[in-house]
Amino acid sequence: MTTIAENFITHFADGQTFETAEDILFSDLAKQWGADVTYSAREYDEDGAIHYVDGYHDGYISGDPIRHEFSDGSAVVEAGDGWDLEGPERYSWAGS
């Protein structure tokens, strides 16, 4: 069965396109589809590696991942100049 996120991304040419053929912006369409938006926050482990956890808009650092979760639990993650279906970890890309 196809997820809502999989249906959502069919409206965009590729993972670097943020506007539909009908001139609807990525974030606006996600809102229309009822996506819950979560901004990431950086956490560093003892080795200095970055991990992303749920954060808030006011603490957001430009280019860090933004998660658009749909009612079925599927999600699309936007980061920098691209987006993808969410991968196996929260805020990751599927790489498909």
Protein backbone atom coordinates (compact mmCIF):
# COMPACT_ATOMS: atom_id res chain seq x y z
CA MET A 1 0.00 0.00 0.00
CA THR A 2 1.26 3.47 -0.88
CA THR A 3 1.84 5.89 2.00
CA ILE A 4 0.59 9.46 2.08
CA ALA A 5 4.20 10.69 1.84
CA GLU A 6 4.75 8.58 -1.29
CA ASN A 7 1.62 10.10 -2.86
CA PHE A 8 2.67 13.59 -1.76
CA ILE A 9 6.07 13.48 -3.49
CA THR A 10 4.51 12.59 -6.85
CA HIS A 11 3.55 16.26 -7.13
CA PHE A 12 7.21 17.30 -7.44
CA ALA A 13 9.64 16.68 -10.32
CA ASP A 14 12.51 15.57 -8.07
CA GLY A 15 14.06 15.94 -4.63
CA GLN A 16 15.29 19.43 -5.40
CA THR A 17 11.99 20.85 -6.66
CA PHE A 18 9.93 22.75 -4.10
CA GLU A 19 7.03 23.83 -6.30
CA THR A 20 4.34 21.81 -8.10
CA ALA A 21 3.42 22.28 -11.76
CA GLU A 22 0.46 24.30 -10.41
CA ASP A 23 2.85 26.67 -8.56
CA ILE A 24 2.04 25.36 -5.06
CA LEU A 25 5.02 25.49 -2.70
CA PHE A 26 6.21 22.31 -0.97
CA SER A 27 5.42 23.61 2.53
CA ASP A 28 2.00 24.92 1.47
CA LEU A 29 1.00 21.60 -0.10
CA ALA A 30 2.23 19.71 2.98
CA LYS A 31 0.06 21.97 5.13
CA GLN A 32 -2.94 21.37 2.82
CA TRP A 33 -2.39 17.62 3.20
CA GLY A 34 -2.42 17.98 7.01
CA ALA A 35 1.28 17.36 7.64
CA ASP A 36 2.60 17.98 11.14
CA VAL A 37 5.84 19.96 10.83
CA THR A 38 8.68 19.34 13.28
CA TYR A 39 11.95 21.26 13.20
CA SER A 40 15.13 19.51 14.23
CA ALA A 41 17.56 20.49 16.95
CA ARG A 42 21.21 19.46 17.04
CA GLU A 43 22.61 17.28 19.79
CA TYR A 44 26.25 16.25 19.93
CA ASP A 45 27.54 13.01 21.41
CA GLU A 46 30.83 12.69 23.31
CA ASP A 47 32.69 12.18 20.01
CA GLY A 48 31.25 15.39 18.58
CA ALA A 49 28.93 13.62 16.10
CA ILE A 50 25.69 15.44 15.36
CA HIS A 51 22.33 13.81 16.01
CA TYR A 52 18.99 15.43 15.25
CA VAL A 53 16.14 15.44 17.74
CA ASP A 54 12.81 17.23 17.79
CA GLY A 55 13.18 20.96 18.28
CA TYR A 56 11.27 24.17 17.73
CA HIS A 57 11.13 26.77 14.99
CA ASP A 58 12.84 29.41 17.15
CA GLY A 59 15.91 27.20 17.63
CA TYR A 60 16.13 26.05 14.03
CA ILE A 61 19.46 26.36 12.20
CA SER A 62 19.11 27.00 8.46
CA GLY A 63 19.68 23.86 6.39
CA ASP A 64 18.98 21.41 9.21
CA PRO A 65 16.23 18.84 8.59
CA ILE A 66 12.54 19.67 8.81
CA ARG A 67 10.14 16.74 9.11
CA HIS A 68 6.66 16.74 7.51
CA GLU A 69 4.70 13.84 9.04
CA PHE A 70 1.35 12.74 7.63
CA SER A 71 -1.57 11.10 9.42
CA ASP A 72 -0.43 7.57 8.51
CA GLY A 73 2.98 8.14 10.16
CA SER A 74 4.87 8.47 6.88
CA ALA A 75 7.09 11.52 6.49
CA VAL A 76 9.07 13.61 4.06
CA VAL A 77 12.27 15.24 5.33
CA GLU A 78 13.45 18.55 3.89
CA ALA A 79 17.05 19.69 4.46
CA GLY A 80 18.93 22.48 2.73
CA ASP A 81 18.17 22.46 -0.98
CA GLY A 82 16.58 19.00 -1.09
CA TRP A 83 14.03 16.60 0.32
CA ASP A 84 13.35 12.84 0.39
CA LEU A 85 11.09 10.30 2.01
CA GLU A 86 12.17 9.74 5.58
CA GLY A 87 14.75 7.01 6.03
CA PRO A 88 15.04 4.45 8.83
CA GLU A 89 15.93 7.07 11.46
CA ARG A 90 13.99 10.20 12.31
CA TYR A 91 15.19 13.16 10.16
CA SER A 92 17.15 10.87 7.82
CA TRP A 93 16.63 10.47 4.07
CA ALA A 94 15.58 7.20 2.47
CA GLY A 95 18.07 7.77 -0.32
CA SER A 96 15.73 6.38 -2.96
